[in-house]
Amino acid sequence: MSAEFGAGEMPPTSRMPQAESGAGWAFAVARSFFHWLAAGAYFFTVCPVLILIGVFADPRKNDGPQRWMSRTVVRLAGARIEVRASPGFDPGRTCFFVSNHVNLFDPFVLYSSIPQFIRGLELESHFHIPVYGWLMKRFGNVPVPDVAKPSDLKRMWRMTRSALDSGISLVVFPEGRRTLTGRVGDFQDGVFRMALRFGTPVVPVSMVGAFAFNQKKSWMLRPGRVVIYLHDTIETAAMDKTDPKALSDLVWEKVAAPVHAALDDTEVYSAATVLKA
């Protein structure tokens, strides 16, 4: 656990429920169906309205309704969000927010949790998803090319720099994919190269409890608490610009610490449960 949080602020456990059977399984399936139906119906009803508003209004002035939509989607899906900010987190700095990637609700969770105007770096293929892709494009997310052609990468760097220069902080999932185990995977170094080149601060973000809530290979939703850790803001201006791995390793350690601590606690809990049985 990172020392930047107090001793009384250990991460919550991410206890995965034991395998249900019979009536318990039927209830879990019905509950998941209800939450998907409620969250999906709400999203596909409200999202087009926000897109329409975005045609006429500056997205920054429309930030409140967008946050309201994100929070409501998460609540309807069954998750409760708790935010824990480190004393060294500076909410006034334009920066890269670097987070672990768990499930489809991650963008909604982070948008609900980060206390400033943010957009994201997102795979270009996502911009072709009906409704969602239109929303991301209109609201100013930066497309990350699926194929790393030099011309496309230059365009991404240019758009990223433009967003940062205009005071927009950017959320990045440097794993490039959702986790299959709950643990934080290796980070790609693109965002860290940009942070060093631009001198942009980096804030590590840990999502704890999201893996118990929903997983990539399962449609089941298990209501529970998701805790967002906003770690100390890391200044990059004085760092060695030729060594992005050093910055990547530092951020990875910050992001992974509470995530892995919670998962390790879960494994101990599960083993103890088996022994008692």
C-alpha atoms as a PDB file:
ATOM      1  CA  MET A   1       0.000   0.000   0.000  1.00  0.00           C
ATOM      2  CA  SER A   2       1.333   3.436  -0.895  1.00  0.00           C
ATOM      3  CA  ALA A   3       2.539   5.470   2.070  1.00  0.00           C
ATOM      4  CA  GLU A   4       0.784   8.549   0.743  1.00  0.00           C
ATOM      5  CA  PHE A   5      -2.479   7.341   2.350  1.00  0.00           C
ATOM      6  CA  GLY A   6      -2.839   7.150   6.094  1.00  0.00           C
ATOM      7  CA  ALA A   7      -2.626   3.919   8.039  1.00  0.00           C
ATOM      8  CA  GLY A   8      -6.358   4.031   8.611  1.00  0.00           C
ATOM      9  CA  GLU A   9      -7.071   4.186   4.889  1.00  0.00           C
ATOM     10  CA  MET A  10      -6.257   0.693   3.719  1.00  0.00           C
ATOM     11  CA  PRO A  11      -8.023  -0.354   0.554  1.00  0.00           C
ATOM     12  CA  PRO A  12     -11.316  -2.201   0.867  1.00  0.00           C
ATOM     13  CA  THR A  13     -11.353  -5.890   0.154  1.00  0.00           C
ATOM     14  CA  SER A  14     -12.628  -7.025  -3.222  1.00  0.00           C
ATOM     15  CA  ARG A  15     -14.205 -10.205  -1.959  1.00  0.00           C
ATOM     16  CA  MET A  16     -15.614 -12.207  -4.800  1.00  0.00           C
ATOM     17  CA  PRO A  17     -18.799 -14.004  -3.808  1.00  0.00           C
ATOM     18  CA  GLN A  18     -18.656 -17.769  -3.593  1.00  0.00           C
ATOM     19  CA  ALA A  19     -20.170 -19.624  -6.540  1.00  0.00           C
ATOM     20  CA  GLU A  20     -23.958 -19.530  -6.307  1.00  0.00           C
ATOM     21  CA  SER A  21     -26.189 -22.466  -7.086  1.00  0.00           C
ATOM     22  CA  GLY A  22     -29.898 -23.011  -7.407  1.00  0.00           C
ATOM     23  CA  ALA A  23     -32.006 -20.125  -6.154  1.00  0.00           C
ATOM     24  CA  GLY A  24     -28.924 -18.011  -5.402  1.00  0.00           C
ATOM     25  CA  TRP A  25     -27.711 -18.277  -8.972  1.00  0.00           C
ATOM     26  CA  ALA A  26     -31.151 -17.513 -10.379  1.00  0.00           C
ATOM     27  CA  PHE A  27     -31.371 -14.418  -8.184  1.00  0.00           C
ATOM     28  CA  ALA A  28     -27.909 -13.230  -9.284  1.00  0.00           C
ATOM     29  CA  VAL A  29     -28.835 -13.652 -12.953  1.00  0.00           C
ATOM     30  CA  ALA A  30     -32.149 -11.821 -12.512  1.00  0.00           C
ATOM     31  CA  ARG A  31     -30.450  -9.038 -10.585  1.00  0.00           C
ATOM     32  CA  SER A  32     -27.791  -8.606 -13.265  1.00  0.00           C
ATOM     33  CA  PHE A  33     -30.444  -8.521 -15.989  1.00  0.00           C
ATOM     34  CA  PHE A  34     -32.345  -5.827 -14.104  1.00  0.00           C
ATOM     35  CA  HIS A  35     -29.258  -3.664 -13.584  1.00  0.00           C
ATOM     36  CA  TRP A  36     -28.193  -3.976 -17.249  1.00  0.00           C
ATOM     37  CA  LEU A  37     -31.717  -3.120 -18.379  1.00  0.00           C
ATOM     38  CA  ALA A  38     -31.969  -0.099 -16.088  1.00  0.00           C
ATOM     39  CA  ALA A  39     -28.496   1.269 -16.882  1.00  0.00           C
ATOM     40  CA  GLY A  40     -28.794   0.590 -20.614  1.00  0.00           C
ATOM     41  CA  ALA A  41     -32.252   2.114 -20.950  1.00  0.00           C
ATOM     42  CA  TYR A  42     -31.138   5.201 -19.091  1.00  0.00           C
ATOM     43  CA  PHE A  43     -27.906   5.596 -21.097  1.00  0.00           C
ATOM     44  CA  PHE A  44     -29.499   5.185 -24.524  1.00  0.00           C
ATOM     45  CA  THR A  45     -32.277   7.586 -23.560  1.00  0.00           C
ATOM     46  CA  VAL A  46     -30.187  10.366 -22.020  1.00  0.00           C
ATOM     47  CA  CYS A  47     -27.078  10.088 -24.204  1.00  0.00           C
ATOM     48  CA  PRO A  48     -28.753  11.289 -27.440  1.00  0.00           C
ATOM     49  CA  VAL A  49     -30.130  14.270 -25.519  1.00  0.00           C
ATOM     50  CA  LEU A  50     -26.632  15.177 -24.337  1.00  0.00           C
ATOM     51  CA  ILE A  51     -25.320  14.821 -27.890  1.00  0.00           C
ATOM     52  CA  LEU A  52     -28.046  17.165 -29.108  1.00  0.00           C
ATOM     53  CA  ILE A  53     -27.198  19.664 -26.372  1.00  0.00           C
ATOM     54  CA  GLY A  54     -23.528  19.304 -27.315  1.00  0.00           C
ATOM     55  CA  VAL A  55     -24.278  20.463 -30.847  1.00  0.00           C
ATOM     56  CA  PHE A  56     -25.266  23.876 -29.496  1.00  0.00           C
ATOM     57  CA  ALA A  57     -23.375  24.133 -26.180  1.00  0.00           C
ATOM     58  CA  ASP A  58     -19.690  24.090 -25.337  1.00  0.00           C
ATOM     59  CA  PRO A  59     -18.987  20.657 -23.735  1.00  0.00           C
ATOM     60  CA  ARG A  60     -17.278  22.417 -20.826  1.00  0.00           C
ATOM     61  CA  LYS A  61     -20.494  24.268 -20.031  1.00  0.00           C
ATOM     62  CA  ASN A  62     -22.339  20.969 -20.362  1.00  0.00           C
ATOM     63  CA  ASP A  63     -20.020  19.131 -17.952  1.00  0.00           C
ATOM     64  CA  GLY A  64     -22.562  18.962 -15.105  1.00  0.00           C
ATOM     65  CA  PRO A  65     -25.197  16.978 -17.023  1.00  0.00           C
ATOM     66  CA  GLN A  66     -22.500  14.642 -18.354  1.00  0.00           C
ATOM     67  CA  ARG A  67     -21.287  13.879 -14.821  1.00  0.00           C
ATOM     68  CA  TRP A  68     -24.860  13.423 -13.666  1.00  0.00           C
ATOM     69  CA  MET A  69     -25.426  10.905 -16.470  1.00  0.00           C
ATOM     70  CA  SER A  70     -22.235   9.000 -15.606  1.00  0.00           C
ATOM     71  CA  ARG A  71     -23.052   8.813 -11.896  1.00  0.00           C
ATOM     72  CA  THR A  72     -26.584   7.642 -12.614  1.00  0.00           C
ATOM     73  CA  VAL A  73     -25.424   4.932 -15.054  1.00  0.00           C
ATOM     74  CA  VAL A  74     -23.060   3.567 -12.397  1.00  0.00           C
ATOM     75  CA  ARG A  75     -25.717   3.662  -9.673  1.00  0.00           C
ATOM     76  CA  LEU A  76     -28.283   1.928 -11.861  1.00  0.00           C
ATOM     77  CA  ALA A  77     -25.704  -0.755 -12.648  1.00  0.00           C
ATOM     78  CA  GLY A  78     -25.404  -1.396  -8.905  1.00  0.00           C
ATOM     79  CA  ALA A  79     -22.093   0.203  -7.927  1.00  0.00           C
ATOM     80  CA  ARG A  80     -21.479   2.704  -5.134  1.00  0.00           C
ATOM     81  CA  ILE A  81     -18.478   4.993  -5.672  1.00  0.00           C
ATOM     82  CA  GLU A  82     -16.165   6.248  -2.940  1.00  0.00           C
ATOM     83  CA  VAL A  83     -13.296   8.637  -3.752  1.00  0.00           C
ATOM     84  CA  ARG A  84     -10.139   8.828  -1.641  1.00  0.00           C
ATOM     85  CA  ALA A  85      -7.747  11.611  -2.620  1.00  0.00           C
ATOM     86  CA  SER A  86      -4.166  11.646  -1.392  1.00  0.00           C
ATOM     87  CA  PRO A  87      -3.005  14.851   0.357  1.00  0.00           C
ATOM     88  CA  GLY A  88      -0.524  15.306  -2.502  1.00  0.00           C
ATOM     89  CA  PHE A  89      -3.199  15.262  -5.199  1.00  0.00           C
ATOM     90  CA  ASP A  90      -3.597  18.683  -6.826  1.00  0.00           C
ATOM     91  CA  PRO A  91      -7.092  18.955  -8.388  1.00  0.00           C
ATOM     92  CA  GLY A  92      -6.193  22.239 -10.061  1.00  0.00           C
ATOM     93  CA  ARG A  93      -3.438  20.893 -12.324  1.00  0.00           C
ATOM     94  CA  THR A  94      -3.997  19.897 -15.950  1.00  0.00           C
ATOM     95  CA  CYS A  95      -2.526  16.400 -16.142  1.00  0.00           C
ATOM     96  CA  PHE A  96      -2.705  12.809 -17.334  1.00  0.00           C
ATOM     97  CA  PHE A  97      -4.827  10.589 -15.081  1.00  0.00           C
ATOM     98  CA  VAL A  98      -3.401   7.071 -15.473  1.00  0.00           C
ATOM     99  CA  SER A  99      -5.671   4.252 -14.294  1.00  0.00           C
ATOM    100  CA  ASN A 100      -6.047   0.494 -14.292  1.00  0.00           C
ATOM    101  CA  HIS A 101      -8.671  -0.831 -16.730  1.00  0.00           C
ATOM    102  CA  VAL A 102     -11.258  -3.333 -15.487  1.00  0.00           C
ATOM    103  CA  ASN A 103     -14.626  -3.219 -17.235  1.00  0.00           C
ATOM    104  CA  LEU A 104     -16.943  -1.244 -19.525  1.00  0.00           C
ATOM    105  CA  PHE A 105     -18.060   1.012 -16.683  1.00  0.00           C
ATOM    106  CA  ASP A 106     -14.567   2.431 -16.050  1.00  0.00           C
ATOM    107  CA  PRO A 107     -15.094   5.666 -18.057  1.00  0.00           C
ATOM    108  CA  PHE A 108     -18.347   6.365 -16.224  1.00  0.00           C
ATOM    109  CA  VAL A 109     -16.762   5.638 -12.838  1.00  0.00           C
ATOM    110  CA  LEU A 110     -13.788   7.921 -13.478  1.00  0.00           C
ATOM    111  CA  TYR A 111     -15.892  10.711 -14.943  1.00  0.00           C
ATOM    112  CA  SER A 112     -17.965  10.574 -11.767  1.00  0.00           C
ATOM    113  CA  SER A 113     -14.871  10.652  -9.530  1.00  0.00           C
ATOM    114  CA  ILE A 114     -12.252  13.046 -10.930  1.00  0.00           C
ATOM    115  CA  PRO A 115     -12.988  16.616  -9.770  1.00  0.00           C
ATOM    116  CA  GLN A 116     -12.073  18.510 -12.922  1.00  0.00           C
ATOM    117  CA  PHE A 117     -12.894  18.702 -16.623  1.00  0.00           C
ATOM    118  CA  ILE A 118     -11.509  15.560 -18.257  1.00  0.00           C
ATOM    119  CA  ARG A 119     -11.501  13.734 -21.538  1.00  0.00           C
ATOM    120  CA  GLY A 120      -9.803  10.500 -22.545  1.00  0.00           C
ATOM    121  CA  LEU A 121      -7.415   8.840 -24.928  1.00  0.00           C
ATOM    122  CA  GLU A 122      -9.462   6.059 -26.495  1.00  0.00           C
ATOM    123  CA  LEU A 123      -8.974   3.495 -29.245  1.00  0.00           C
ATOM    124  CA  GLU A 124     -10.050   4.915 -32.584  1.00  0.00           C
ATOM    125  CA  SER A 125     -12.230   1.859 -33.263  1.00  0.00           C
ATOM    126  CA  HIS A 126     -14.433   2.855 -30.300  1.00  0.00           C
ATOM    127  CA  PHE A 127     -15.431   5.999 -32.156  1.00  0.00           C
ATOM    128  CA  HIS A 128     -17.390   3.794 -34.572  1.00  0.00           C
ATOM    129  CA  ILE A 129     -19.650   2.399 -31.823  1.00  0.00           C
ATOM    130  CA  PRO A 130     -23.217   3.758 -32.315  1.00  0.00           C
ATOM    131  CA  VAL A 131     -24.215   6.501 -29.871  1.00  0.00           C
ATOM    132  CA  TYR A 132     -21.172   5.976 -27.614  1.00  0.00           C
ATOM    133  CA  GLY A 133     -18.715   6.763 -30.406  1.00  0.00           C
ATOM    134  CA  TRP A 134     -20.653   9.838 -31.482  1.00  0.00           C
ATOM    135  CA  LEU A 135     -20.638  11.075 -27.889  1.00  0.00           C
ATOM    136  CA  MET A 136     -16.871  10.529 -27.513  1.00  0.00           C
ATOM    137  CA  LYS A 137     -16.110  12.364 -30.753  1.00  0.00           C
ATOM    138  CA  ARG A 138     -18.359  15.323 -30.044  1.00  0.00           C
ATOM    139  CA  PHE A 139     -17.090  15.708 -26.480  1.00  0.00           C
ATOM    140  CA  GLY A 140     -13.439  15.819 -27.563  1.00  0.00           C
ATOM    141  CA  ASN A 141     -11.850  12.478 -26.674  1.00  0.00           C
ATOM    142  CA  VAL A 142      -8.536  11.847 -28.406  1.00  0.00           C
ATOM    143  CA  PRO A 143      -8.467   8.828 -30.781  1.00  0.00           C
ATOM    144  CA  VAL A 144      -5.585   6.390 -30.339  1.00  0.00           C
ATOM    145  CA  PRO A 145      -4.830   4.623 -33.648  1.00  0.00           C
ATOM    146  CA  ASP A 146      -5.418   0.870 -33.622  1.00  0.00           C
ATOM    147  CA  VAL A 147      -2.490   0.517 -36.039  1.00  0.00           C
ATOM    148  CA  ALA A 148       0.547   2.571 -35.081  1.00  0.00           C
ATOM    149  CA  LYS A 149       1.289   4.368 -38.350  1.00  0.00           C
ATOM    150  CA  PRO A 150       3.736   7.282 -37.899  1.00  0.00           C
ATOM    151  CA  SER A 151       1.282   9.771 -39.405  1.00  0.00           C
ATOM    152  CA  ASP A 152      -1.529   8.622 -37.090  1.00  0.00           C
ATOM    153  CA  LEU A 153       0.735   8.767 -34.032  1.00  0.00           C
ATOM    154  CA  LYS A 154       1.792  12.306 -34.919  1.00  0.00           C
ATOM    155  CA  ARG A 155      -1.868  13.274 -35.212  1.00  0.00           C
ATOM    156  CA  MET A 156      -2.566  11.755 -31.781  1.00  0.00           C
ATOM    157  CA  TRP A 157       0.362  13.624 -30.203  1.00  0.00           C
ATOM    158  CA  ARG A 158      -0.805  16.861 -31.815  1.00  0.00           C
ATOM    159  CA  MET A 159      -4.384  16.430 -30.575  1.00  0.00           C
ATOM    160  CA  THR A 160      -3.155  15.467 -27.113  1.00  0.00           C
ATOM    161  CA  ARG A 161      -0.954  18.537 -26.848  1.00  0.00           C
ATOM    162  CA  SER A 162      -3.802  20.741 -28.040  1.00  0.00           C
ATOM    163  CA  ALA A 163      -6.173  19.344 -25.396  1.00  0.00           C
ATOM    164  CA  LEU A 164      -3.646  19.799 -22.600  1.00  0.00           C
ATOM    165  CA  ASP A 165      -2.779  23.321 -23.722  1.00  0.00           C
ATOM    166  CA  SER A 166      -6.464  24.234 -23.554  1.00  0.00           C
ATOM    167  CA  GLY A 167      -6.685  23.033 -19.937  1.00  0.00           C
ATOM    168  CA  ILE A 168      -8.255  19.617 -20.545  1.00  0.00           C
ATOM    169  CA  SER A 169      -6.884  16.772 -18.438  1.00  0.00           C
ATOM    170  CA  LEU A 170      -6.792  13.356 -20.110  1.00  0.00           C
ATOM    171  CA  VAL A 171      -7.586   9.905 -18.731  1.00  0.00           C
ATOM    172  CA  VAL A 172      -5.451   7.026 -20.020  1.00  0.00           C
ATOM    173  CA  PHE A 173      -5.617   3.234 -19.578  1.00  0.00           C
ATOM    174  CA  PRO A 174      -1.992   2.309 -20.406  1.00  0.00           C
ATOM    175  CA  GLU A 175      -2.613  -1.447 -20.131  1.00  0.00           C
ATOM    176  CA  GLY A 176      -4.425  -1.113 -23.466  1.00  0.00           C
ATOM    177  CA  ARG A 177      -7.015  -3.726 -22.498  1.00  0.00           C
ATOM    178  CA  ARG A 178      -9.247  -4.768 -19.629  1.00  0.00           C
ATOM    179  CA  THR A 179      -7.737  -7.077 -17.034  1.00  0.00           C
ATOM    180  CA  LEU A 180      -8.701 -10.754 -16.986  1.00  0.00           C
ATOM    181  CA  THR A 181      -7.420 -11.438 -13.462  1.00  0.00           C
ATOM    182  CA  GLY A 182      -8.115  -8.203 -11.604  1.00  0.00           C
ATOM    183  CA  ARG A 183      -4.387  -7.487 -11.355  1.00  0.00           C
ATOM    184  CA  VAL A 184      -2.759  -4.540 -13.089  1.00  0.00           C
ATOM    185  CA  GLY A 185      -1.001  -5.536 -16.312  1.00  0.00           C
ATOM    186  CA  ASP A 186       2.098  -4.077 -17.932  1.00  0.00           C
ATOM    187  CA  PHE A 187       1.882  -0.455 -19.031  1.00  0.00           C
ATOM    188  CA  GLN A 188       2.542   0.703 -22.571  1.00  0.00           C
ATOM    189  CA  ASP A 189       4.874   3.682 -22.586  1.00  0.00           C
ATOM    190  CA  GLY A 190       3.131   6.049 -25.031  1.00  0.00           C
ATOM    191  CA  VAL A 191       1.456   8.260 -22.417  1.00  0.00           C
ATOM    192  CA  PHE A 192       4.676   8.476 -20.390  1.00  0.00           C
ATOM    193  CA  ARG A 193       6.662   9.578 -23.442  1.00  0.00           C
ATOM    194  CA  MET A 194       4.115  12.329 -24.010  1.00  0.00           C
ATOM    195  CA  ALA A 195       4.098  13.349 -20.336  1.00  0.00           C
ATOM    196  CA  LEU A 196       7.884  13.709 -20.339  1.00  0.00           C
ATOM    197  CA  ARG A 197       8.001  15.495 -23.685  1.00  0.00           C
ATOM    198  CA  PHE A 198       5.254  17.961 -22.711  1.00  0.00           C
ATOM    199  CA  GLY A 199       6.294  18.282 -19.047  1.00  0.00           C
ATOM    200  CA  THR A 200       2.732  17.324 -18.048  1.00  0.00           C
ATOM    201  CA  PRO A 201       2.071  16.043 -14.501  1.00  0.00           C
ATOM    202  CA  VAL A 202       0.751  12.514 -14.023  1.00  0.00           C
ATOM    203  CA  VAL A 203      -1.781  11.368 -11.424  1.00  0.00           C
ATOM    204  CA  PRO A 204      -1.912   7.597 -10.787  1.00  0.00           C
ATOM    205  CA  VAL A 205      -5.479   6.358 -10.221  1.00  0.00           C
ATOM    206  CA  SER A 206      -6.447   3.017  -8.661  1.00  0.00           C
ATOM    207  CA  MET A 207      -9.899   1.479  -9.056  1.00  0.00           C
ATOM    208  CA  VAL A 208     -10.491  -1.048  -6.279  1.00  0.00           C
ATOM    209  CA  GLY A 209     -13.585  -3.243  -6.203  1.00  0.00           C
ATOM    210  CA  ALA A 210     -14.365  -2.834  -9.895  1.00  0.00           C
ATOM    211  CA  PHE A 211     -13.300  -6.410 -10.699  1.00  0.00           C
ATOM    212  CA  ALA A 212     -15.729  -7.832  -8.151  1.00  0.00           C
ATOM    213  CA  PHE A 213     -18.451  -5.620  -9.613  1.00  0.00           C
ATOM    214  CA  ASN A 214     -18.002  -6.712 -13.247  1.00  0.00           C
ATOM    215  CA  GLN A 215     -15.423  -8.614 -15.307  1.00  0.00           C
ATOM    216  CA  LYS A 216     -14.504  -8.594 -18.973  1.00  0.00           C
ATOM    217  CA  LYS A 217     -15.593 -12.166 -19.706  1.00  0.00           C
ATOM    218  CA  SER A 218     -18.810 -12.057 -17.702  1.00  0.00           C
ATOM    219  CA  TRP A 219     -22.018 -10.092 -18.093  1.00  0.00           C
ATOM    220  CA  MET A 220     -22.855 -10.575 -14.401  1.00  0.00           C
ATOM    221  CA  LEU A 221     -23.129  -7.424 -12.293  1.00  0.00           C
ATOM    222  CA  ARG A 222     -22.535  -7.848  -8.579  1.00  0.00           C
ATOM    223  CA  PRO A 223     -23.580  -4.692  -6.694  1.00  0.00           C
ATOM    224  CA  GLY A 224     -20.928  -3.343  -4.374  1.00  0.00           C
ATOM    225  CA  ARG A 225     -18.515  -0.547  -3.594  1.00  0.00           C
ATOM    226  CA  VAL A 226     -15.855   0.741  -5.999  1.00  0.00           C
ATOM    227  CA  VAL A 227     -13.175   2.882  -4.355  1.00  0.00           C
ATOM    228  CA  ILE A 228     -11.183   5.351  -6.455  1.00  0.00           C
ATOM    229  CA  TYR A 229      -7.740   6.338  -5.177  1.00  0.00           C
ATOM    230  CA  LEU A 230      -6.388   9.620  -6.559  1.00  0.00           C
ATOM    231  CA  HIS A 231      -2.684   9.438  -5.721  1.00  0.00           C
ATOM    232  CA  ASP A 232      -0.113  12.215  -5.381  1.00  0.00           C
ATOM    233  CA  THR A 233       0.411  14.367  -8.466  1.00  0.00           C
ATOM    234  CA  ILE A 234       3.765  13.423 -10.031  1.00  0.00           C
ATOM    235  CA  GLU A 235       5.711  16.285 -11.598  1.00  0.00           C
ATOM    236  CA  THR A 236       7.545  15.334 -14.808  1.00  0.00           C
ATOM    237  CA  ALA A 237       9.211  18.584 -15.890  1.00  0.00           C
ATOM    238  CA  ALA A 238      12.539  17.779 -14.191  1.00  0.00           C
ATOM    239  CA  MET A 239      12.560  14.054 -15.042  1.00  0.00           C
ATOM    240  CA  ASP A 240      14.881  12.381 -17.558  1.00  0.00           C
ATOM    241  CA  LYS A 241      12.965  12.697 -20.815  1.00  0.00           C
ATOM    242  CA  THR A 242      14.859   9.773 -22.359  1.00  0.00           C
ATOM    243  CA  ASP A 243      13.684   7.243 -19.759  1.00  0.00           C
ATOM    244  CA  PRO A 244       9.884   6.781 -19.946  1.00  0.00           C
ATOM    245  CA  LYS A 245      10.174   3.350 -18.299  1.00  0.00           C
ATOM    246  CA  ALA A 246      11.269   4.891 -15.006  1.00  0.00           C
ATOM    247  CA  LEU A 247       8.122   7.027 -14.952  1.00  0.00           C
ATOM    248  CA  SER A 248       6.001   4.093 -16.121  1.00  0.00           C
ATOM    249  CA  ASP A 249       7.336   1.847 -13.338  1.00  0.00           C
ATOM    250  CA  LEU A 250       6.721   4.530 -10.704  1.00  0.00           C
ATOM    251  CA  VAL A 251       3.124   5.071 -11.817  1.00  0.00           C
ATOM    252  CA  TRP A 252       2.491   1.312 -12.137  1.00  0.00           C
ATOM    253  CA  GLU A 253       3.576   0.777  -8.534  1.00  0.00           C
ATOM    254  CA  LYS A 254       1.236   3.519  -7.315  1.00  0.00           C
ATOM    255  CA  VAL A 255      -1.731   2.208  -9.322  1.00  0.00           C
ATOM    256  CA  ALA A 256      -1.157  -1.454  -8.477  1.00  0.00           C
ATOM    257  CA  ALA A 257      -0.531  -1.136  -4.721  1.00  0.00           C
ATOM    258  CA  PRO A 258      -4.130  -0.802  -3.425  1.00  0.00           C
ATOM    259  CA  VAL A 259      -5.540  -2.989  -6.240  1.00  0.00           C
ATOM    260  CA  HIS A 260      -3.242  -5.909  -5.454  1.00  0.00           C
ATOM    261  CA  ALA A 261      -3.561  -5.416  -1.682  1.00  0.00           C
ATOM    262  CA  ALA A 262      -7.328  -5.816  -1.990  1.00  0.00           C
ATOM    263  CA  LEU A 263      -6.989  -8.879  -4.221  1.00  0.00           C
ATOM    264  CA  ASP A 264      -4.448 -10.475  -1.853  1.00  0.00           C
ATOM    265  CA  ASP A 265      -6.861  -9.913   1.017  1.00  0.00           C
ATOM    266  CA  THR A 266      -9.565 -11.614  -1.064  1.00  0.00           C
ATOM    267  CA  GLU A 267      -7.373 -14.649  -1.668  1.00  0.00           C
ATOM    268  CA  VAL A 268      -6.637 -14.974   2.059  1.00  0.00           C
ATOM    269  CA  TYR A 269     -10.359 -14.601   2.825  1.00  0.00           C
ATOM    270  CA  SER A 270     -11.306 -17.242   0.258  1.00  0.00           C
ATOM    271  CA  ALA A 271      -8.715 -19.704   1.547  1.00  0.00           C
ATOM    272  CA  ALA A 272      -9.930 -19.217   5.123  1.00  0.00           C
ATOM    273  CA  THR A 273     -13.511 -19.781   4.009  1.00  0.00           C
ATOM    274  CA  VAL A 274     -12.547 -23.090   2.379  1.00  0.00           C
ATOM    275  CA  LEU A 275     -10.681 -24.246   5.512  1.00  0.00           C
ATOM    276  CA  LYS A 276     -13.689 -23.430   7.727  1.00  0.00           C
ATOM    277  CA  ALA A 277     -15.956 -25.376   5.392  1.00  0.00           C
END
